[in-house]
Amino acid sequence: MLVLVLVLVLVLVLVLVLFLIL
């Protein structure tokens, strides 16, 4: 469960960073 949450947070952060860069 904890790993799933960490992965979701990581993906969200990556998407936000990509959105800000673009």
PDB file of N, CA and C in Angstrom:
ATOM      1  N   MET A   1       0.833  -1.206   0.000  1.00  0.00           N
ATOM      2  CA  MET A   1       0.000   0.000   0.000  1.00  0.00           C
ATOM      3  C   MET A   1       0.869   1.259   0.000  1.00  0.00           C
ATOM      4  N   LEU A   2       1.841   1.263   0.888  1.00  0.00           N
ATOM      5  CA  LEU A   2       2.707   2.435   0.985  1.00  0.00           C
ATOM      6  C   LEU A   2       3.476   2.656  -0.315  1.00  0.00           C
ATOM      7  N   VAL A   3       3.925   1.564  -0.912  1.00  0.00           N
ATOM      8  CA  VAL A   3       4.672   1.666  -2.172  1.00  0.00           C
ATOM      9  C   VAL A   3       3.776   2.244  -3.270  1.00  0.00           C
ATOM     10  N   LEU A   4       2.527   1.819  -3.290  1.00  0.00           N
ATOM     11  CA  LEU A   4       1.578   2.316  -4.291  1.00  0.00           C
ATOM     12  C   LEU A   4       1.387   3.826  -4.153  1.00  0.00           C
ATOM     13  N   VAL A   5       1.241   4.286  -2.920  1.00  0.00           N
ATOM     14  CA  VAL A   5       1.066   5.714  -2.658  1.00  0.00           C
ATOM     15  C   VAL A   5       2.312   6.486  -3.083  1.00  0.00           C
ATOM     16  N   LEU A   6       3.485   5.953  -2.775  1.00  0.00           N
ATOM     17  CA  LEU A   6       4.732   6.615  -3.157  1.00  0.00           C
ATOM     18  C   LEU A   6       4.848   6.729  -4.671  1.00  0.00           C
ATOM     19  N   VAL A   7       4.487   5.675  -5.363  1.00  0.00           N
ATOM     20  CA  VAL A   7       4.548   5.690  -6.832  1.00  0.00           C
ATOM     21  C   VAL A   7       3.564   6.719  -7.395  1.00  0.00           C
ATOM     22  N   LEU A   8       2.384   6.772  -6.831  1.00  0.00           N
ATOM     23  CA  LEU A   8       1.391   7.755  -7.300  1.00  0.00           C
ATOM     24  C   LEU A   8       1.885   9.183  -7.089  1.00  0.00           C
ATOM     25  N   VAL A   9       2.458   9.443  -5.936  1.00  0.00           N
ATOM     26  CA  VAL A   9       2.989  10.780  -5.646  1.00  0.00           C
ATOM     27  C   VAL A   9       4.126  11.114  -6.609  1.00  0.00           C
ATOM     28  N   LEU A  10       4.986  10.147  -6.864  1.00  0.00           N
ATOM     29  CA  LEU A  10       6.108  10.362  -7.782  1.00  0.00           C
ATOM     30  C   LEU A  10       5.603  10.714  -9.182  1.00  0.00           C
ATOM     31  N   VAL A  11       4.613   9.984  -9.640  1.00  0.00           N
ATOM     32  CA  VAL A  11       4.039  10.240 -10.974  1.00  0.00           C
ATOM     33  C   VAL A  11       3.398  11.626 -11.025  1.00  0.00           C
ATOM     34  N   LEU A  12       2.685  11.991  -9.987  1.00  0.00           N
ATOM     35  CA  LEU A  12       2.054  13.309  -9.953  1.00  0.00           C
ATOM     36  C   LEU A  12       3.088  14.424  -9.996  1.00  0.00           C
ATOM     37  N   VAL A  13       4.163  14.255  -9.249  1.00  0.00           N
ATOM     38  CA  VAL A  13       5.232  15.254  -9.239  1.00  0.00           C
ATOM     39  C   VAL A  13       5.880  15.355 -10.623  1.00  0.00           C
ATOM     40  N   LEU A  14       6.117  14.224 -11.252  1.00  0.00           N
ATOM     41  CA  LEU A  14       6.722  14.230 -12.590  1.00  0.00           C
ATOM     42  C   LEU A  14       5.817  14.938 -13.592  1.00  0.00           C
ATOM     43  N   VAL A  15       4.536  14.668 -13.520  1.00  0.00           N
ATOM     44  CA  VAL A  15       3.582  15.312 -14.432  1.00  0.00           C
ATOM     45  C   VAL A  15       3.555  16.825 -14.197  1.00  0.00           C
ATOM     46  N   LEU A  16       3.572  17.234 -12.946  1.00  0.00           N
ATOM     47  CA  LEU A  16       3.574  18.668 -12.628  1.00  0.00           C
ATOM     48  C   LEU A  16       4.837  19.345 -13.140  1.00  0.00           C
ATOM     49  N   VAL A  17       5.967  18.694 -12.966  1.00  0.00           N
ATOM     50  CA  VAL A  17       7.241  19.251 -13.439  1.00  0.00           C
ATOM     51  C   VAL A  17       7.233  19.382 -14.961  1.00  0.00           C
ATOM     52  N   LEU A  18       6.768  18.346 -15.633  1.00  0.00           N
ATOM     53  CA  LEU A  18       6.688  18.395 -17.104  1.00  0.00           C
ATOM     54  C   LEU A  18       5.745  19.501 -17.555  1.00  0.00           C
ATOM     55  N   PHE A  19       4.623  19.641 -16.866  1.00  0.00           N
ATOM     56  CA  PHE A  19       3.652  20.678 -17.209  1.00  0.00           C
ATOM     57  C   PHE A  19       4.268  22.062 -17.032  1.00  0.00           C
ATOM     58  N   LEU A  20       5.025  22.247 -15.958  1.00  0.00           N
ATOM     59  CA  LEU A  20       5.660  23.546 -15.704  1.00  0.00           C
ATOM     60  C   LEU A  20       6.749  23.835 -16.729  1.00  0.00           C
ATOM     61  N   ILE A  21       7.502  22.817 -17.126  1.00  0.00           N
ATOM     62  CA  ILE A  21       8.565  23.002 -18.118  1.00  0.00           C
ATOM     63  C   ILE A  21       7.959  23.357 -19.474  1.00  0.00           C
ATOM     64  N   LEU A  22       6.914  22.651 -19.843  1.00  0.00           N
ATOM     65  CA  LEU A  22       6.276  22.920 -21.132  1.00  0.00           C
ATOM     66  C   LEU A  22       5.398  24.163 -21.023  1.00  0.00           C
TER      67      LEU A  22
END
